[in-house]
Amino acid sequence: MRGRIGTILTLVSLLAAPAAAQRSTQVVISQPADATTMDPGRSTQVLTVNYFFNLYDTLTRWDASLKLHPALATSWKAVNDTTWDVTLRPDVKFHDGSPLTAEDVKAVYERNMVPGKTVVQSGFSTLEAVQAVNPTTLRIITRKPDPLVPVRMAQMGGSIYPARFASEEGARELARKPIGSGAYKFVSWTKDDQLVMEANRDWWGWNGKPPVVDRVVWKPIPDDFARLSALQRGEVDLITNVPPDQMKIVRTLTVSSTRTLTFWINTTQPPTQDKRVRQAMHYAMDVNSIVKDLYAGQGKPFSGGLADTDFGYNPALKPYPYDPPRAKKLLADAGYPNGIDVTLSAGIGTIVNDKQLLEAIADMWSKVGIRARIEMMEMAARQKMNNERLLPPNGVMLINPQSTLLDADGSLWRLFHPNGFGGKYWIGNQPGQRFHDLMEQARYTLDPKKRKELYTEATKIIHEEKPWLELFQEVVIYGVSKRVSFKPRPDYRLIVSEMTLAK
């Protein structure tokens, strides 16, 4: 009898073990919006990028302290000023079991080098050619000397997938059913409900260990308070975009970020074509009050286009002070004594308190005669407007770009490059203009001191011209349950393989 009971208890234990293990090694993450695509060439929106850096690997990678490390590339060397040889990690397999080779990297990079094929082309525009020397050796040839090749290999859009997905038809499949070589495999995606990933037990593992978390469920919850409540009830383990004024009600992790809160301005036509109007828009905003009242002091007003984490940051440039009389005078001097009309828009879930932010700016602007019509749009619509450069004249759209290279080339020039997201909104970034020429010269200058000098002059132009609306450098705020531990990253990337779970 005793033996029979023991056998039954053993069977019960074996049957219960998988469910218990699944519960203990599953993490549920909630962001305010769902992904827009699984194609890493088609989005740089931070919430979507979080999926990419779990599903895919890049040739190099930054750790949580923003130090560069080998990843799919084990080593790289400059053969001459314009040629780099990269050695790939051997025996890496994609999630479908196929081997990852130099041909796959070549196909991904070549796709990114073609204007219009992806939204990350400006970050790859220094490349002249990519050659697969053999399965584990890649040769990168640049147009001119490019000191940033090692960090370009870690940038957005540098995620590697099988070569067959670099075609038009393949990219459409990749957007729905991604295959990478990352720490997590794609399982399923129910739009606006959940996306499920499972650990890749064949992952090569940059830390030499398999992922601790077996299963990741990403659940979009647009409403900030609903997201907070889900964390408090234990329905989710980690939430992004915690409202700063709610930090006291949940356990939080914070870090100053590489991301800035800015707005595109379409400056191609009057009235915003006149820099005095754009300057007036800045003098009419009390950014310090916005940071204090809407973001509980979690933010640093800035000017000149760069976060202080980027090489090229110019600390001598101070944000415009709040000066409504000066704003009114600038509008009058520009020929608009009765004010102007603009459309102020944002994608729902772009940042915390997005609608309140737009309302606060519109209210401040109204005091000087800038009449703003507020428009909140779904994230997919916002992504389409950004990807296809469809911001209308007099349009002002909230963005929160982050640096892809920790260098002005991966932030300011990535965005304002003629092929960048803001490439058609300002004449100052066109060939022959001083800003354009400074940034192009800097990206091909090997001497760091000279590059810094070029960036100093370029940031002064941004400070004066104000081709976009600059507010503040953001702080990353996560709400986290006690069972999850990780070091928050300044680059906003949520990489589950960096997380540990409480015993």
Protein backbone atom coordinates (compact mmCIF):
# COMPACT_ATOMS: atom_id res chain seq x y z
CA MET A 1 0.00 0.00 0.00
CA ARG A 2 2.79 2.33 0.98
CA GLY A 3 4.48 1.68 -2.37
CA ARG A 4 1.28 2.43 -4.24
CA ILE A 5 0.78 5.72 -2.40
CA GLY A 6 4.39 6.66 -3.08
CA THR A 7 3.90 5.94 -6.77
CA ILE A 8 0.76 8.11 -6.87
CA LEU A 9 2.54 10.99 -5.09
CA THR A 10 5.43 10.73 -7.54
CA LEU A 11 3.04 10.87 -10.51
CA VAL A 12 1.25 13.89 -9.04
CA SER A 13 4.59 15.59 -8.49
CA LEU A 14 5.70 14.94 -12.06
CA LEU A 15 2.43 16.19 -13.49
CA ALA A 16 2.51 19.36 -11.37
CA ALA A 17 6.16 20.16 -12.02
CA PRO A 18 5.82 21.57 -15.56
CA ALA A 19 3.01 23.95 -14.56
CA ALA A 20 4.89 25.12 -11.49
CA ALA A 21 8.06 25.59 -13.51
CA GLN A 22 6.16 27.54 -16.14
CA ARG A 23 4.66 29.81 -13.52
CA SER A 24 8.00 30.41 -11.82
CA THR A 25 9.96 31.09 -15.02
CA GLN A 26 7.42 33.18 -16.93
CA VAL A 27 7.63 36.97 -16.96
CA VAL A 28 4.81 39.21 -18.12
CA ILE A 29 5.84 42.64 -19.40
CA SER A 30 3.40 45.44 -20.16
CA GLN A 31 4.08 48.43 -22.38
CA PRO A 32 1.56 51.14 -23.38
CA ALA A 33 1.40 50.06 -27.02
CA ASP A 34 1.83 46.93 -29.07
CA ALA A 35 4.61 46.39 -31.58
CA THR A 36 4.01 47.77 -35.06
CA THR A 37 6.15 45.18 -36.86
CA MET A 38 8.64 42.39 -36.20
CA ASP A 39 10.91 43.65 -39.00
CA PRO A 40 13.89 45.45 -37.39
CA GLY A 41 14.40 47.45 -40.56
CA ARG A 42 10.95 49.02 -40.35
CA SER A 43 10.81 50.61 -36.90
CA THR A 44 12.98 52.52 -34.45
CA GLN A 45 10.07 53.13 -32.05
CA VAL A 46 11.40 52.20 -28.61
CA LEU A 47 8.51 49.95 -27.58
CA THR A 48 8.87 47.90 -30.76
CA VAL A 49 12.66 47.87 -30.56
CA ASN A 50 12.35 46.06 -27.22
CA TYR A 51 11.03 43.04 -29.10
CA PHE A 52 13.88 43.16 -31.63
CA PHE A 53 16.67 42.98 -29.05
CA ASN A 54 15.23 39.80 -27.59
CA LEU A 55 14.52 38.02 -30.87
CA TYR A 56 17.60 39.04 -32.82
CA ASP A 57 21.34 39.46 -32.26
CA THR A 58 23.64 42.18 -33.59
CA LEU A 59 27.34 41.90 -34.42
CA THR A 60 28.34 43.99 -31.41
CA ARG A 61 26.30 44.92 -28.34
CA TRP A 62 26.20 47.40 -25.49
CA ASP A 63 25.87 46.22 -21.92
CA ALA A 64 23.70 48.00 -19.36
CA SER A 65 26.57 50.43 -18.67
CA LEU A 66 26.82 51.28 -22.39
CA LYS A 67 30.13 49.53 -22.85
CA LEU A 68 30.61 47.89 -26.26
CA HIS A 69 31.17 44.12 -26.42
CA PRO A 70 31.49 41.40 -29.06
CA ALA A 71 28.25 39.59 -29.94
CA LEU A 72 27.80 37.75 -33.25
CA ALA A 73 31.17 39.25 -34.15
CA THR A 74 34.00 37.91 -32.01
CA SER A 75 36.56 40.39 -33.35
CA TRP A 76 37.05 43.16 -35.89
CA LYS A 77 40.01 45.09 -37.24
CA ALA A 78 40.64 47.99 -39.61
CA VAL A 79 42.62 46.66 -42.57
CA ASN A 80 43.04 50.22 -43.82
CA ASP A 81 41.18 53.53 -43.42
CA THR A 82 38.13 52.28 -45.33
CA THR A 83 38.16 48.50 -44.87
CA TRP A 84 37.18 46.43 -41.84
CA ASP A 85 37.40 42.66 -41.49
CA VAL A 86 34.91 41.14 -39.06
CA THR A 87 35.15 37.60 -37.68
CA LEU A 88 31.78 36.03 -36.93
CA ARG A 89 31.04 33.63 -34.12
CA PRO A 90 31.04 30.08 -35.54
CA ASP A 91 28.20 27.57 -35.21
CA VAL A 92 25.45 30.11 -34.45
CA LYS A 93 22.04 28.94 -35.61
CA PHE A 94 18.86 30.85 -36.34
CA HIS A 95 15.65 29.83 -34.59
CA ASP A 96 14.68 27.67 -37.59
CA GLY A 97 17.91 25.68 -37.26
CA SER A 98 19.69 27.17 -40.27
CA PRO A 99 23.30 28.36 -39.78
CA LEU A 100 24.05 32.06 -39.48
CA THR A 101 26.78 33.04 -41.94
CA ALA A 102 28.40 36.10 -43.43
CA GLU A 103 25.96 35.86 -46.34
CA ASP A 104 23.08 36.61 -43.95
CA VAL A 105 24.83 39.67 -42.52
CA LYS A 106 25.66 40.84 -46.02
CA ALA A 107 22.01 40.58 -47.10
CA VAL A 108 20.74 42.48 -44.04
CA TYR A 109 23.30 45.27 -44.38
CA GLU A 110 22.80 45.61 -48.13
CA ARG A 111 19.05 45.95 -47.61
CA ASN A 112 19.70 48.70 -45.05
CA MET A 113 22.04 50.53 -47.41
CA VAL A 114 19.34 51.12 -50.05
CA PRO A 115 17.38 54.38 -49.58
CA GLY A 116 13.70 53.66 -49.05
CA LYS A 117 14.05 49.95 -48.28
CA THR A 118 14.17 50.45 -44.52
CA VAL A 119 13.83 53.29 -42.03
CA VAL A 120 17.41 52.87 -40.77
CA GLN A 121 19.27 53.66 -44.01
CA SER A 122 20.95 56.82 -42.68
CA GLY A 123 22.83 54.75 -40.09
CA PHE A 124 24.29 52.55 -42.84
CA SER A 125 24.91 55.24 -45.45
CA THR A 126 28.65 55.41 -44.76
CA LEU A 127 29.02 51.87 -46.12
CA GLU A 128 30.15 51.36 -49.70
CA ALA A 129 30.05 47.57 -49.87
CA VAL A 130 29.73 44.45 -47.72
CA GLN A 131 31.45 41.23 -48.77
CA ALA A 132 31.14 37.67 -47.47
CA VAL A 133 34.75 36.49 -47.66
CA ASN A 134 33.84 33.09 -46.21
CA PRO A 135 31.07 31.83 -43.87
CA THR A 136 32.66 33.42 -40.79
CA THR A 137 34.46 36.44 -42.29
CA LEU A 138 32.77 39.65 -43.32
CA ARG A 139 34.45 42.58 -45.03
CA ILE A 140 32.94 46.05 -44.64
CA ILE A 141 34.12 48.78 -47.01
CA THR A 142 33.19 52.37 -46.22
CA ARG A 143 32.91 55.34 -48.56
CA LYS A 144 35.45 57.28 -46.52
CA PRO A 145 37.23 56.62 -43.20
CA ASP A 146 34.50 55.83 -40.66
CA PRO A 147 35.55 55.57 -37.00
CA LEU A 148 32.13 54.32 -35.91
CA VAL A 149 31.98 50.98 -37.74
CA PRO A 150 32.23 48.90 -34.51
CA VAL A 151 29.31 50.75 -32.91
CA ARG A 152 27.30 50.80 -36.14
CA MET A 153 27.24 47.02 -35.85
CA ALA A 154 25.24 47.41 -32.59
CA GLN A 155 22.76 50.00 -33.86
CA MET A 156 19.05 49.75 -34.56
CA GLY A 157 18.53 47.94 -37.83
CA GLY A 158 21.68 45.89 -37.26
CA SER A 159 19.66 42.90 -36.07
CA ILE A 160 20.58 39.85 -38.15
CA TYR A 161 18.01 37.54 -39.74
CA PRO A 162 18.26 34.91 -42.53
CA ALA A 163 19.18 36.33 -45.94
CA ARG A 164 15.92 35.16 -47.52
CA PHE A 165 14.02 37.75 -45.47
CA ALA A 166 15.94 40.65 -47.04
CA SER A 167 13.76 40.48 -50.16
CA GLU A 168 10.46 42.37 -50.44
CA GLU A 169 8.42 39.18 -50.06
CA GLY A 170 10.66 37.88 -47.29
CA ALA A 171 10.41 41.13 -45.36
CA ARG A 172 6.61 40.88 -45.35
CA GLU A 173 6.89 37.42 -43.78
CA LEU A 174 9.52 38.59 -41.28
CA ALA A 175 7.23 41.41 -40.14
CA ARG A 176 4.69 38.82 -38.95
CA LYS A 177 6.78 35.77 -38.02
CA PRO A 178 10.31 36.80 -37.05
CA ILE A 179 13.29 34.46 -37.10
CA GLY A 180 16.51 35.60 -35.50
CA SER A 181 19.29 34.04 -33.46
CA GLY A 182 18.50 35.84 -30.21
CA ALA A 183 17.92 34.60 -26.68
CA TYR A 184 14.18 34.28 -27.34
CA LYS A 185 12.12 32.67 -30.10
CA PHE A 186 8.86 33.98 -31.44
CA VAL A 187 5.83 31.85 -30.45
CA SER A 188 2.70 33.84 -31.25
CA TRP A 189 1.34 37.34 -31.69
CA THR A 190 -2.27 38.34 -31.14
CA LYS A 191 -2.36 42.00 -32.15
CA ASP A 192 -3.18 44.38 -29.30
CA ASP A 193 -3.49 41.45 -26.88
CA GLN A 194 -0.20 39.68 -26.36
CA LEU A 195 3.04 38.56 -27.97
CA VAL A 196 4.68 35.41 -26.62
CA MET A 197 8.34 34.40 -26.75
CA GLU A 198 10.13 31.36 -25.36
CA ALA A 199 13.77 30.86 -24.42
CA ASN A 200 16.13 29.75 -27.16
CA ARG A 201 17.98 26.89 -25.50
CA ASP A 202 20.44 26.78 -28.40
CA TRP A 203 21.41 30.43 -27.97
CA TRP A 204 25.14 31.04 -28.11
CA GLY A 205 24.81 33.25 -25.01
CA TRP A 206 26.90 36.41 -24.63
CA ASN A 207 27.05 35.77 -20.87
CA GLY A 208 27.80 32.08 -21.23
CA LYS A 209 24.48 31.13 -19.64
CA PRO A 210 21.05 30.20 -20.95
CA PRO A 211 18.23 32.68 -20.26
CA VAL A 212 16.79 32.42 -16.75
CA VAL A 213 13.26 33.25 -17.93
CA ASP A 214 11.67 30.45 -19.98
CA ARG A 215 8.70 32.35 -21.33
CA VAL A 216 7.98 36.05 -21.93
CA VAL A 217 4.51 37.43 -22.46
CA TRP A 218 4.27 41.03 -23.68
CA LYS A 219 0.87 42.60 -23.02
CA PRO A 220 0.06 46.11 -24.26
CA ILE A 221 -1.98 48.15 -21.76
CA PRO A 222 -2.40 51.71 -23.10
CA ASP A 223 -3.84 53.29 -19.95
CA ASP A 224 -1.17 54.23 -17.40
CA PHE A 225 -3.30 53.53 -14.36
CA ALA A 226 -4.56 50.21 -15.72
CA ARG A 227 -0.93 49.22 -16.26
CA LEU A 228 -0.04 50.23 -12.69
CA SER A 229 -3.03 48.31 -11.33
CA ALA A 230 -2.02 45.20 -13.25
CA LEU A 231 1.41 45.36 -11.61
CA GLN A 232 -0.07 45.89 -8.16
CA ARG A 233 -2.41 42.91 -8.61
CA GLY A 234 0.44 40.68 -9.74
CA GLU A 235 -0.98 40.22 -13.24
CA VAL A 236 2.24 41.56 -14.77
CA ASP A 237 5.81 41.55 -13.51
CA LEU A 238 7.21 44.63 -15.19
CA ILE A 239 5.72 47.77 -16.70
CA THR A 240 7.25 50.58 -18.73
CA ASN A 241 6.28 54.26 -18.83
CA VAL A 242 5.44 54.65 -15.15
CA PRO A 243 3.97 58.13 -14.54
CA PRO A 244 6.57 59.91 -12.38
CA ASP A 245 3.90 61.15 -9.98
CA GLN A 246 2.95 57.51 -9.31
CA MET A 247 6.46 56.27 -8.54
CA LYS A 248 5.71 55.94 -4.82
CA ILE A 249 2.92 53.39 -5.22
CA VAL A 250 5.03 50.68 -6.93
CA ARG A 251 8.61 49.42 -6.80
CA THR A 252 10.56 51.32 -9.46
CA LEU A 253 13.92 51.21 -11.21
CA THR A 254 15.18 54.39 -12.89
CA VAL A 255 18.12 55.63 -14.95
CA SER A 256 18.85 58.79 -16.95
CA SER A 257 18.36 57.90 -20.59
CA THR A 258 19.93 58.34 -24.01
CA ARG A 259 16.52 59.53 -25.24
CA THR A 260 15.24 63.08 -25.65
CA LEU A 261 11.71 64.39 -25.82
CA THR A 262 11.37 66.46 -28.96
CA PHE A 263 8.84 67.27 -31.69
CA TRP A 264 9.27 67.31 -35.43
CA ILE A 265 8.39 70.66 -36.98
CA ASN A 266 7.65 70.77 -40.69
CA THR A 267 9.58 73.94 -41.54
CA THR A 268 9.17 73.75 -45.30
CA GLN A 269 6.46 76.41 -45.53
CA PRO A 270 5.41 79.56 -43.65
CA PRO A 271 4.95 80.31 -40.84
CA THR A 272 7.31 77.70 -39.32
CA GLN A 273 9.75 78.22 -42.18
CA ASP A 274 10.94 81.34 -40.33
CA LYS A 275 13.36 80.51 -37.52
CA ARG A 276 11.98 83.39 -35.46
CA VAL A 277 8.66 81.55 -35.30
CA ARG A 278 10.43 78.37 -34.17
CA GLN A 279 12.38 80.33 -31.58
CA ALA A 280 9.12 81.88 -30.37
CA MET A 281 7.66 78.39 -29.91
CA HIS A 282 10.52 77.65 -27.52
CA TYR A 283 10.39 80.93 -25.59
CA ALA A 284 6.65 80.36 -25.10
CA MET A 285 7.21 77.01 -23.31
CA ASP A 286 7.99 76.74 -19.61
CA VAL A 287 9.88 73.46 -19.88
CA ASN A 288 11.03 73.53 -16.24
CA SER A 289 7.41 73.67 -15.09
CA ILE A 290 6.46 70.87 -17.49
CA VAL A 291 9.21 68.65 -16.07
CA LYS A 292 8.24 69.52 -12.50
CA ASP A 293 4.45 69.29 -12.83
CA LEU A 294 3.99 66.47 -15.34
CA TYR A 295 7.11 64.41 -14.74
CA ALA A 296 7.87 64.95 -11.02
CA GLY A 297 11.22 66.50 -11.89
CA GLN A 298 12.32 63.42 -13.84
CA GLY A 299 13.93 65.10 -16.84
CA LYS A 300 16.67 67.50 -17.87
CA PRO A 301 15.87 70.42 -20.23
CA PHE A 302 18.32 70.52 -23.11
CA SER A 303 19.26 72.36 -26.30
CA GLY A 304 21.49 71.63 -29.25
CA GLY A 305 20.02 68.29 -30.27
CA LEU A 306 21.97 65.85 -28.09
CA ALA A 307 21.54 64.01 -24.80
CA ASP A 308 24.53 64.21 -22.46
CA THR A 309 25.24 60.51 -23.11
CA ASP A 310 26.26 61.26 -26.71
CA PHE A 311 29.73 62.12 -27.97
CA GLY A 312 29.34 65.66 -29.26
CA TYR A 313 27.08 66.89 -26.45
CA ASN A 314 27.62 70.62 -25.98
CA PRO A 315 27.17 71.64 -22.31
CA ALA A 316 27.66 75.32 -23.19
CA LEU A 317 24.23 75.44 -24.84
CA LYS A 318 21.50 76.35 -22.38
CA PRO A 319 17.77 75.77 -22.97
CA TYR A 320 15.77 78.82 -23.99
CA PRO A 321 14.21 80.47 -20.90
CA TYR A 322 10.46 80.91 -20.56
CA ASP A 323 9.91 84.42 -21.97
CA PRO A 324 6.40 85.06 -23.40
CA PRO A 325 7.02 88.76 -24.24
CA ARG A 326 10.06 87.77 -26.29
CA ALA A 327 8.03 85.06 -28.02
CA LYS A 328 5.33 87.60 -28.97
CA LYS A 329 7.96 90.00 -30.34
CA LEU A 330 9.59 87.29 -32.43
CA LEU A 331 6.23 86.35 -33.93
CA ALA A 332 5.51 90.00 -34.73
CA ASP A 333 8.99 90.50 -36.22
CA ALA A 334 8.37 87.47 -38.42
CA GLY A 335 5.16 89.06 -39.69
CA TYR A 336 2.63 87.30 -37.45
CA PRO A 337 1.45 89.85 -34.87
CA ASN A 338 -1.90 88.01 -34.66
CA GLY A 339 -0.29 84.65 -34.06
CA ILE A 340 -0.22 81.39 -36.02
CA ASP A 341 -2.09 78.08 -36.24
CA VAL A 342 -0.39 74.69 -35.91
CA THR A 343 -1.39 71.04 -35.43
CA LEU A 344 0.20 69.48 -32.35
CA SER A 345 0.11 65.67 -32.46
CA ALA A 346 1.34 62.54 -30.70
CA GLY A 347 0.99 58.80 -30.99
CA ILE A 348 -0.97 57.32 -28.10
CA GLY A 349 1.51 55.76 -25.69
CA THR A 350 4.61 57.45 -27.10
CA ILE A 351 5.49 58.74 -23.64
CA VAL A 352 3.93 59.02 -20.21
CA ASN A 353 1.34 61.80 -19.89
CA ASP A 354 1.45 62.43 -23.63
CA LYS A 355 -1.97 64.06 -23.93
CA GLN A 356 -1.39 66.16 -20.81
CA LEU A 357 1.94 67.30 -22.28
CA LEU A 358 0.30 68.45 -25.50
CA GLU A 359 -2.42 70.24 -23.55
CA ALA A 360 0.16 72.01 -21.37
CA ILE A 361 2.17 73.18 -24.40
CA ALA A 362 -0.98 74.32 -26.21
CA ASP A 363 -2.07 76.30 -23.17
CA MET A 364 1.31 78.03 -22.85
CA TRP A 365 1.43 78.77 -26.57
CA SER A 366 -2.07 80.23 -26.53
CA LYS A 367 -0.81 83.02 -24.28
CA VAL A 368 1.42 84.33 -27.10
CA GLY A 369 -0.93 83.70 -30.02
CA ILE A 370 0.15 80.23 -31.13
CA ARG A 371 -3.11 78.35 -31.62
CA ALA A 372 -2.55 74.60 -31.47
CA ARG A 373 -5.05 71.97 -32.52
CA ILE A 374 -4.30 68.75 -30.61
CA GLU A 375 -4.44 65.41 -32.39
CA MET A 376 -3.84 62.05 -30.68
CA MET A 377 -3.29 59.18 -33.11
CA GLU A 378 -2.90 55.42 -32.87
CA MET A 379 0.72 54.26 -32.74
CA ALA A 380 0.48 52.59 -36.16
CA ALA A 381 -0.71 55.85 -37.72
CA ARG A 382 2.06 57.75 -36.01
CA GLN A 383 4.59 55.16 -37.21
CA LYS A 384 3.33 55.50 -40.79
CA MET A 385 3.55 59.29 -40.64
CA ASN A 386 7.10 59.07 -39.31
CA ASN A 387 8.29 56.33 -41.66
CA GLU A 388 6.85 57.97 -44.76
CA ARG A 389 7.73 61.55 -43.75
CA LEU A 390 4.08 62.65 -43.99
CA LEU A 391 4.04 65.41 -41.38
CA PRO A 392 1.90 68.17 -42.94
CA PRO A 393 2.93 71.84 -43.20
CA ASN A 394 2.54 73.56 -39.82
CA GLY A 395 2.59 70.08 -38.27
CA VAL A 396 4.34 69.52 -34.94
CA MET A 397 4.61 65.84 -33.90
CA LEU A 398 5.90 64.35 -30.68
CA ILE A 399 8.88 62.01 -31.02
CA ASN A 400 11.30 60.70 -28.43
CA PRO A 401 14.39 59.62 -30.34
CA GLN A 402 17.23 57.78 -28.72
CA SER A 403 20.82 57.57 -29.79
CA THR A 404 21.79 54.48 -31.77
CA LEU A 405 25.56 55.04 -31.62
CA LEU A 406 26.08 57.12 -28.44
CA ASP A 407 27.43 59.67 -30.86
CA ALA A 408 25.88 62.66 -32.65
CA ASP A 409 26.02 60.66 -35.86
CA GLY A 410 23.59 58.13 -34.40
CA SER A 411 21.15 60.68 -33.06
CA LEU A 412 21.26 64.17 -34.53
CA TRP A 413 22.56 63.11 -37.96
CA ARG A 414 20.60 59.85 -38.07
CA LEU A 415 17.46 61.97 -37.73
CA PHE A 416 18.34 65.06 -39.78
CA HIS A 417 20.32 63.31 -42.50
CA PRO A 418 18.61 63.96 -45.89
CA ASN A 419 17.44 60.32 -45.79
CA GLY A 420 16.57 60.45 -42.08
CA PHE A 421 13.16 60.81 -40.47
CA GLY A 422 13.46 64.60 -40.46
CA GLY A 423 15.32 64.76 -43.75
CA LYS A 424 12.62 66.63 -45.67
CA TYR A 425 11.43 68.98 -42.94
CA TRP A 426 14.33 71.46 -42.84
CA ILE A 427 16.46 72.97 -45.59
CA GLY A 428 19.48 73.31 -43.27
CA ASN A 429 20.29 69.62 -43.56
CA GLN A 430 20.65 69.65 -47.35
CA PRO A 431 24.00 69.43 -49.21
CA GLY A 432 25.74 72.79 -49.36
CA GLN A 433 24.24 73.95 -46.06
CA ARG A 434 26.71 74.44 -43.23
CA PHE A 435 25.03 71.96 -40.86
CA HIS A 436 24.99 69.23 -43.50
CA ASP A 437 28.63 69.76 -44.38
CA LEU A 438 29.73 69.76 -40.72
CA MET A 439 27.92 66.50 -39.95
CA GLU A 440 29.18 64.75 -43.07
CA GLN A 441 32.73 65.85 -42.35
CA ALA A 442 32.47 64.68 -38.75
CA ARG A 443 31.25 61.18 -39.62
CA TYR A 444 34.38 60.60 -41.70
CA THR A 445 36.88 62.20 -39.30
CA LEU A 446 39.08 59.77 -37.37
CA ASP A 447 40.52 62.36 -34.95
CA PRO A 448 38.11 62.54 -31.94
CA LYS A 449 39.19 66.09 -31.07
CA LYS A 450 38.44 67.35 -34.57
CA ARG A 451 35.12 65.52 -34.62
CA LYS A 452 34.17 67.13 -31.31
CA GLU A 453 34.95 70.57 -32.75
CA LEU A 454 32.74 69.89 -35.75
CA TYR A 455 29.90 68.72 -33.52
CA THR A 456 30.27 71.80 -31.32
CA GLU A 457 29.62 74.07 -34.29
CA ALA A 458 26.78 71.86 -35.56
CA THR A 459 24.98 71.86 -32.21
CA LYS A 460 25.23 75.65 -32.09
CA ILE A 461 23.36 75.76 -35.41
CA ILE A 462 20.62 73.55 -33.97
CA HIS A 463 20.44 75.79 -30.90
CA GLU A 464 19.99 78.87 -33.09
CA GLU A 465 17.82 77.47 -35.89
CA LYS A 466 15.57 75.27 -33.72
CA PRO A 467 14.52 73.03 -36.65
CA TRP A 468 12.62 70.91 -34.13
CA LEU A 469 11.02 71.52 -30.75
CA GLU A 470 13.39 70.57 -27.91
CA LEU A 471 12.11 69.86 -24.41
CA PHE A 472 14.12 67.55 -22.17
CA GLN A 473 16.26 64.45 -21.78
CA GLU A 474 14.15 61.65 -20.37
CA VAL A 475 14.52 59.40 -17.34
CA VAL A 476 13.64 55.71 -17.74
CA ILE A 477 11.13 54.58 -15.11
CA TYR A 478 10.10 50.94 -14.78
CA GLY A 479 7.63 49.45 -12.33
CA VAL A 480 8.89 46.04 -11.23
CA SER A 481 7.60 43.22 -9.04
CA LYS A 482 9.85 41.90 -6.29
CA ARG A 483 10.48 38.66 -8.21
CA VAL A 484 12.27 40.38 -11.11
CA SER A 485 15.73 41.98 -10.94
CA PHE A 486 17.78 43.74 -13.63
CA LYS A 487 19.88 46.83 -14.19
CA PRO A 488 17.86 49.41 -16.15
CA ARG A 489 19.56 50.49 -19.34
CA PRO A 490 19.94 54.14 -20.44
CA ASP A 491 19.12 53.04 -24.01
CA TYR A 492 15.60 51.88 -22.97
CA ARG A 493 16.21 48.35 -24.16
CA LEU A 494 14.43 45.70 -22.10
CA ILE A 495 16.56 42.62 -22.64
CA VAL A 496 15.06 39.67 -20.78
CA SER A 497 18.26 37.60 -20.87
CA GLU A 498 19.77 40.25 -18.56
CA MET A 499 17.08 39.61 -15.93
CA THR A 500 17.17 37.33 -12.90
CA LEU A 501 14.31 36.03 -10.79
CA ALA A 502 14.01 35.80 -7.02
CA LYS A 503 14.26 32.29 -5.65
